[in-house]
Amino acid sequence: MGECDRVLLMRARRLVEDVYLYADELLRELEAELGEGYSPEREVAESVVRFIENPVNVYLSYYPVTPVYIVVPLFAQVMTYGPRVPRRARAPRITFIVLYEVCKHLTDAELRYVLAHELAHAATEDDEVAADLFASVLAVRFPERFEMPLAADERGLRVVDAAKLEAYSREHPRRFMRRLLRCSVRLRPLRA
């Protein structure tokens, strides 16, 4: 399991720029439609834009398996590691947006959707509703650029039980984090 897909990581980093540009465009459209009125879409989009403009210790990572919950493959996941002992409380948190092997088979529109979902998770501290809302609104407003992946061809993929992988990452956080760092690229700050 020592492989690293740098091509996927570079492609994902380029598509994060697209997510940023379309999130900014979404904010402009919502401003024109709503003026100063509140909307949850605006709140999430603003959080994602701020997050991408200043991603502190955020990495895109590749992990060469596909976790599966019962029969549903997991495309990507946000994992955050921070200090575990009080005396190291000033140590920085590290956030990984982990792309699993199944992402290699996604179109750019599908991968943009997955990235938008995960960036919203990272920006809103793991709020599933906010992540679903953000990615879905982008898919509705920009259907040629964002498409929800509906099915994954799992033939030839290495699948693992998602609960077991999650347990392993919690039981051995340093080992798992080192494994992720070996196949990661740092997210760079972006500006519109």
C-alpha atoms as a PDB file:
ATOM      1  CA  MET A   1       0.000   0.000   0.000  1.00  0.00           C
ATOM      2  CA  GLY A   2       2.952   2.295  -0.543  1.00  0.00           C
ATOM      3  CA  GLU A   3       1.713   3.971  -3.717  1.00  0.00           C
ATOM      4  CA  CYS A   4       0.969   7.647  -4.061  1.00  0.00           C
ATOM      5  CA  ASP A   5      -1.137   9.155  -6.835  1.00  0.00           C
ATOM      6  CA  ARG A   6       0.484  12.567  -7.312  1.00  0.00           C
ATOM      7  CA  VAL A   7      -1.443  13.096 -10.568  1.00  0.00           C
ATOM      8  CA  LEU A   8      -4.744  12.909  -8.681  1.00  0.00           C
ATOM      9  CA  LEU A   9      -3.430  15.270  -6.001  1.00  0.00           C
ATOM     10  CA  MET A  10      -2.297  17.878  -8.566  1.00  0.00           C
ATOM     11  CA  ARG A  11      -5.624  17.550 -10.379  1.00  0.00           C
ATOM     12  CA  ALA A  12      -7.495  18.001  -7.078  1.00  0.00           C
ATOM     13  CA  ARG A  13      -5.421  21.045  -6.120  1.00  0.00           C
ATOM     14  CA  ARG A  14      -6.246  22.620  -9.493  1.00  0.00           C
ATOM     15  CA  LEU A  15      -9.948  21.826  -9.003  1.00  0.00           C
ATOM     16  CA  VAL A  16      -9.902  23.438  -5.534  1.00  0.00           C
ATOM     17  CA  GLU A  17      -9.168  26.676  -7.396  1.00  0.00           C
ATOM     18  CA  ASP A  18     -12.346  26.082  -9.424  1.00  0.00           C
ATOM     19  CA  VAL A  19     -14.363  25.479  -6.246  1.00  0.00           C
ATOM     20  CA  TYR A  20     -13.030  28.779  -4.911  1.00  0.00           C
ATOM     21  CA  LEU A  21     -13.945  30.692  -8.072  1.00  0.00           C
ATOM     22  CA  TYR A  22     -17.448  29.210  -8.242  1.00  0.00           C
ATOM     23  CA  ALA A  23     -18.029  29.773  -4.518  1.00  0.00           C
ATOM     24  CA  ASP A  24     -17.081  33.415  -5.080  1.00  0.00           C
ATOM     25  CA  GLU A  25     -19.433  33.552  -8.090  1.00  0.00           C
ATOM     26  CA  LEU A  26     -22.190  32.002  -5.941  1.00  0.00           C
ATOM     27  CA  LEU A  27     -21.676  34.750  -3.364  1.00  0.00           C
ATOM     28  CA  ARG A  28     -22.018  37.426  -6.056  1.00  0.00           C
ATOM     29  CA  GLU A  29     -25.211  35.813  -7.382  1.00  0.00           C
ATOM     30  CA  LEU A  30     -26.698  35.544  -3.895  1.00  0.00           C
ATOM     31  CA  GLU A  31     -25.825  39.172  -3.208  1.00  0.00           C
ATOM     32  CA  ALA A  32     -27.659  40.209  -6.368  1.00  0.00           C
ATOM     33  CA  GLU A  33     -30.673  38.047  -5.520  1.00  0.00           C
ATOM     34  CA  LEU A  34     -30.947  38.613  -1.780  1.00  0.00           C
ATOM     35  CA  GLY A  35     -29.159  41.859  -1.030  1.00  0.00           C
ATOM     36  CA  GLU A  36     -28.184  41.754   2.629  1.00  0.00           C
ATOM     37  CA  GLY A  37     -30.724  39.031   3.491  1.00  0.00           C
ATOM     38  CA  TYR A  38     -29.584  35.914   5.310  1.00  0.00           C
ATOM     39  CA  SER A  39     -29.229  32.594   3.545  1.00  0.00           C
ATOM     40  CA  PRO A  40     -27.522  29.427   4.768  1.00  0.00           C
ATOM     41  CA  GLU A  41     -25.977  29.009   1.321  1.00  0.00           C
ATOM     42  CA  ARG A  42     -24.262  32.368   1.668  1.00  0.00           C
ATOM     43  CA  GLU A  43     -22.997  31.545   5.156  1.00  0.00           C
ATOM     44  CA  VAL A  44     -21.421  28.271   4.037  1.00  0.00           C
ATOM     45  CA  ALA A  45     -19.995  29.774   0.846  1.00  0.00           C
ATOM     46  CA  GLU A  46     -18.416  32.616   2.852  1.00  0.00           C
ATOM     47  CA  SER A  47     -16.876  30.067   5.241  1.00  0.00           C
ATOM     48  CA  VAL A  48     -15.460  28.038   2.356  1.00  0.00           C
ATOM     49  CA  VAL A  49     -14.038  31.125   0.608  1.00  0.00           C
ATOM     50  CA  ARG A  50     -12.367  32.299   3.852  1.00  0.00           C
ATOM     51  CA  PHE A  51     -11.018  28.793   4.441  1.00  0.00           C
ATOM     52  CA  ILE A  52      -9.494  28.521   0.952  1.00  0.00           C
ATOM     53  CA  GLU A  53      -8.027  32.023   1.189  1.00  0.00           C
ATOM     54  CA  ASN A  54      -6.156  31.059   4.342  1.00  0.00           C
ATOM     55  CA  PRO A  55      -5.742  27.280   4.634  1.00  0.00           C
ATOM     56  CA  VAL A  56      -3.524  26.848   7.703  1.00  0.00           C
ATOM     57  CA  ASN A  57      -1.922  23.401   7.838  1.00  0.00           C
ATOM     58  CA  VAL A  58      -4.363  21.911   5.321  1.00  0.00           C
ATOM     59  CA  TYR A  59      -3.282  19.085   3.049  1.00  0.00           C
ATOM     60  CA  LEU A  60      -4.871  17.227   0.162  1.00  0.00           C
ATOM     61  CA  SER A  61      -3.953  13.581   0.665  1.00  0.00           C
ATOM     62  CA  TYR A  62      -4.353  10.337  -1.201  1.00  0.00           C
ATOM     63  CA  TYR A  63      -4.955   7.009   0.511  1.00  0.00           C
ATOM     64  CA  PRO A  64      -4.877   3.998  -1.841  1.00  0.00           C
ATOM     65  CA  VAL A  65      -8.015   2.172  -0.685  1.00  0.00           C
ATOM     66  CA  THR A  66     -11.753   2.795  -0.841  1.00  0.00           C
ATOM     67  CA  PRO A  67     -13.554   2.631   2.499  1.00  0.00           C
ATOM     68  CA  VAL A  68     -17.061   1.206   2.244  1.00  0.00           C
ATOM     69  CA  TYR A  69     -19.928   1.659   4.716  1.00  0.00           C
ATOM     70  CA  ILE A  70     -22.126  -1.414   4.175  1.00  0.00           C
ATOM     71  CA  VAL A  71     -22.368  -1.000   0.363  1.00  0.00           C
ATOM     72  CA  VAL A  72     -21.655   2.725  -0.068  1.00  0.00           C
ATOM     73  CA  PRO A  73     -18.102   3.752  -1.018  1.00  0.00           C
ATOM     74  CA  LEU A  74     -16.578   6.773   0.671  1.00  0.00           C
ATOM     75  CA  PHE A  75     -15.009   9.118  -1.887  1.00  0.00           C
ATOM     76  CA  ALA A  76     -13.187  11.437   0.499  1.00  0.00           C
ATOM     77  CA  GLN A  77     -13.044  12.474   4.118  1.00  0.00           C
ATOM     78  CA  VAL A  78     -11.759  15.299   6.306  1.00  0.00           C
ATOM     79  CA  MET A  79      -9.502  14.258   9.161  1.00  0.00           C
ATOM     80  CA  THR A  80      -8.132  16.730  11.695  1.00  0.00           C
ATOM     81  CA  TYR A  81      -5.329  15.997  14.104  1.00  0.00           C
ATOM     82  CA  GLY A  82      -4.347  18.223  16.977  1.00  0.00           C
ATOM     83  CA  PRO A  83      -2.341  17.991  20.173  1.00  0.00           C
ATOM     84  CA  ARG A  84      -3.470  15.212  22.504  1.00  0.00           C
ATOM     85  CA  VAL A  85      -1.735  16.355  25.664  1.00  0.00           C
ATOM     86  CA  PRO A  86      -2.261  19.681  27.460  1.00  0.00           C
ATOM     87  CA  ARG A  87       1.425  20.680  27.467  1.00  0.00           C
ATOM     88  CA  ARG A  88       1.397  20.640  23.669  1.00  0.00           C
ATOM     89  CA  ALA A  89      -1.813  22.642  23.350  1.00  0.00           C
ATOM     90  CA  ARG A  90      -0.048  25.286  21.276  1.00  0.00           C
ATOM     91  CA  ALA A  91       0.928  22.744  18.634  1.00  0.00           C
ATOM     92  CA  PRO A  92      -0.887  23.393  15.369  1.00  0.00           C
ATOM     93  CA  ARG A  93      -3.848  21.383  14.171  1.00  0.00           C
ATOM     94  CA  ILE A  94      -3.379  19.635  10.869  1.00  0.00           C
ATOM     95  CA  THR A  95      -6.312  19.035   8.536  1.00  0.00           C
ATOM     96  CA  PHE A  96      -6.244  16.413   5.807  1.00  0.00           C
ATOM     97  CA  ILE A  97      -8.743  16.237   2.987  1.00  0.00           C
ATOM     98  CA  VAL A  98      -8.230  12.582   2.144  1.00  0.00           C
ATOM     99  CA  LEU A  99      -9.090  11.399  -1.350  1.00  0.00           C
ATOM    100  CA  TYR A 100      -9.586   7.661  -1.605  1.00  0.00           C
ATOM    101  CA  GLU A 101      -8.732   5.408  -4.535  1.00  0.00           C
ATOM    102  CA  VAL A 102     -12.230   5.621  -6.046  1.00  0.00           C
ATOM    103  CA  CYS A 103     -11.611   9.335  -6.783  1.00  0.00           C
ATOM    104  CA  LYS A 104      -9.250   8.317  -9.579  1.00  0.00           C
ATOM    105  CA  HIS A 105     -12.327   7.258 -11.580  1.00  0.00           C
ATOM    106  CA  LEU A 106     -14.337  10.471 -11.132  1.00  0.00           C
ATOM    107  CA  THR A 107     -14.842  13.068 -13.827  1.00  0.00           C
ATOM    108  CA  ASP A 108     -13.641  16.610 -13.105  1.00  0.00           C
ATOM    109  CA  ALA A 109     -17.235  17.696 -12.397  1.00  0.00           C
ATOM    110  CA  GLU A 110     -17.690  14.840  -9.912  1.00  0.00           C
ATOM    111  CA  LEU A 111     -14.342  15.491  -8.239  1.00  0.00           C
ATOM    112  CA  ARG A 112     -15.181  19.218  -7.962  1.00  0.00           C
ATOM    113  CA  TYR A 113     -18.411  18.226  -6.182  1.00  0.00           C
ATOM    114  CA  VAL A 114     -16.553  15.914  -3.786  1.00  0.00           C
ATOM    115  CA  LEU A 115     -13.973  18.626  -3.076  1.00  0.00           C
ATOM    116  CA  ALA A 116     -16.673  21.257  -2.506  1.00  0.00           C
ATOM    117  CA  HIS A 117     -18.357  18.932  -0.024  1.00  0.00           C
ATOM    118  CA  GLU A 118     -15.110  18.220   1.850  1.00  0.00           C
ATOM    119  CA  LEU A 119     -13.974  21.857   1.833  1.00  0.00           C
ATOM    120  CA  ALA A 120     -17.301  22.796   3.417  1.00  0.00           C
ATOM    121  CA  HIS A 121     -16.699  20.110   6.055  1.00  0.00           C
ATOM    122  CA  ALA A 122     -13.277  21.513   6.800  1.00  0.00           C
ATOM    123  CA  ALA A 123     -14.496  25.119   6.825  1.00  0.00           C
ATOM    124  CA  THR A 124     -17.558  24.507   8.994  1.00  0.00           C
ATOM    125  CA  GLU A 125     -16.008  22.042  11.446  1.00  0.00           C
ATOM    126  CA  ASP A 126     -17.612  18.885  10.069  1.00  0.00           C
ATOM    127  CA  ASP A 127     -21.214  20.068   9.614  1.00  0.00           C
ATOM    128  CA  GLU A 128     -22.762  17.463   7.278  1.00  0.00           C
ATOM    129  CA  VAL A 129     -25.808  19.588   6.477  1.00  0.00           C
ATOM    130  CA  ALA A 130     -23.658  22.560   5.479  1.00  0.00           C
ATOM    131  CA  ALA A 131     -21.423  20.363   3.317  1.00  0.00           C
ATOM    132  CA  ASP A 132     -24.383  18.779   1.520  1.00  0.00           C
ATOM    133  CA  LEU A 133     -26.033  22.175   1.038  1.00  0.00           C
ATOM    134  CA  PHE A 134     -22.926  23.832  -0.396  1.00  0.00           C
ATOM    135  CA  ALA A 135     -22.081  21.066  -2.877  1.00  0.00           C
ATOM    136  CA  SER A 136     -25.719  20.675  -3.931  1.00  0.00           C
ATOM    137  CA  VAL A 137     -26.224  24.406  -4.507  1.00  0.00           C
ATOM    138  CA  LEU A 138     -23.094  24.515  -6.665  1.00  0.00           C
ATOM    139  CA  ALA A 139     -24.381  21.516  -8.654  1.00  0.00           C
ATOM    140  CA  VAL A 140     -27.755  23.196  -9.213  1.00  0.00           C
ATOM    141  CA  ARG A 141     -26.334  26.595 -10.181  1.00  0.00           C
ATOM    142  CA  PHE A 142     -23.354  25.323 -12.186  1.00  0.00           C
ATOM    143  CA  PRO A 143     -24.415  21.864 -13.467  1.00  0.00           C
ATOM    144  CA  GLU A 144     -21.736  21.759 -16.154  1.00  0.00           C
ATOM    145  CA  ARG A 145     -19.004  22.151 -13.490  1.00  0.00           C
ATOM    146  CA  PHE A 146     -20.354  20.222 -10.464  1.00  0.00           C
ATOM    147  CA  GLU A 147     -21.973  16.797 -10.578  1.00  0.00           C
ATOM    148  CA  MET A 148     -22.808  14.529  -7.673  1.00  0.00           C
ATOM    149  CA  PRO A 149     -21.108  11.155  -8.149  1.00  0.00           C
ATOM    150  CA  LEU A 150     -23.956   8.650  -8.085  1.00  0.00           C
ATOM    151  CA  ALA A 151     -22.245   5.337  -8.608  1.00  0.00           C
ATOM    152  CA  ALA A 152     -18.717   4.151  -8.389  1.00  0.00           C
ATOM    153  CA  ASP A 153     -17.229   1.327 -10.361  1.00  0.00           C
ATOM    154  CA  GLU A 154     -15.553  -0.643  -7.588  1.00  0.00           C
ATOM    155  CA  ARG A 155     -14.085  -3.292  -9.867  1.00  0.00           C
ATOM    156  CA  GLY A 156     -10.359  -3.460  -9.345  1.00  0.00           C
ATOM    157  CA  LEU A 157     -10.433  -1.175  -6.304  1.00  0.00           C
ATOM    158  CA  ARG A 158      -9.079  -2.170  -2.939  1.00  0.00           C
ATOM    159  CA  VAL A 159     -11.981  -1.838  -0.540  1.00  0.00           C
ATOM    160  CA  VAL A 160     -11.832  -1.831   3.246  1.00  0.00           C
ATOM    161  CA  ASP A 161     -14.474  -1.613   5.917  1.00  0.00           C
ATOM    162  CA  ALA A 162     -14.823   2.100   6.683  1.00  0.00           C
ATOM    163  CA  ALA A 163     -15.401   1.499  10.398  1.00  0.00           C
ATOM    164  CA  LYS A 164     -12.155  -0.493  10.642  1.00  0.00           C
ATOM    165  CA  LEU A 165     -10.171   2.213   8.849  1.00  0.00           C
ATOM    166  CA  GLU A 166     -11.717   4.866  11.128  1.00  0.00           C
ATOM    167  CA  ALA A 167     -10.835   2.797  14.212  1.00  0.00           C
ATOM    168  CA  TYR A 168      -7.270   2.327  12.979  1.00  0.00           C
ATOM    169  CA  SER A 169      -6.863   6.082  12.389  1.00  0.00           C
ATOM    170  CA  ARG A 170      -8.063   6.786  15.956  1.00  0.00           C
ATOM    171  CA  GLU A 171      -5.993   4.037  17.606  1.00  0.00           C
ATOM    172  CA  HIS A 172      -2.783   4.915  15.735  1.00  0.00           C
ATOM    173  CA  PRO A 173      -3.115   8.644  14.935  1.00  0.00           C
ATOM    174  CA  ARG A 174       0.602   9.385  14.579  1.00  0.00           C
ATOM    175  CA  ARG A 175       1.222   6.422  12.295  1.00  0.00           C
ATOM    176  CA  PHE A 176      -1.843   7.205  10.186  1.00  0.00           C
ATOM    177  CA  MET A 177      -0.948  10.903   9.980  1.00  0.00           C
ATOM    178  CA  ARG A 178       2.614  10.090   8.888  1.00  0.00           C
ATOM    179  CA  ARG A 179       1.173   7.802   6.206  1.00  0.00           C
ATOM    180  CA  LEU A 180      -1.061  10.625   4.965  1.00  0.00           C
ATOM    181  CA  LEU A 181       1.806  13.146   4.962  1.00  0.00           C
ATOM    182  CA  ARG A 182       3.835  10.876   2.660  1.00  0.00           C
ATOM    183  CA  CYS A 183       1.235  11.358  -0.056  1.00  0.00           C
ATOM    184  CA  SER A 184       0.003  14.919   0.430  1.00  0.00           C
ATOM    185  CA  VAL A 185       0.224  18.354  -1.075  1.00  0.00           C
ATOM    186  CA  ARG A 186      -0.291  21.488   0.965  1.00  0.00           C
ATOM    187  CA  LEU A 187      -3.288  23.599   0.072  1.00  0.00           C
ATOM    188  CA  ARG A 188      -2.106  27.045  -1.025  1.00  0.00           C
ATOM    189  CA  PRO A 189      -3.916  30.289  -0.178  1.00  0.00           C
ATOM    190  CA  LEU A 190      -5.998  31.618  -3.059  1.00  0.00           C
ATOM    191  CA  ARG A 191      -7.437  35.038  -3.843  1.00  0.00           C
ATOM    192  CA  ALA A 192     -10.154  35.995  -6.333  1.00  0.00           C
END
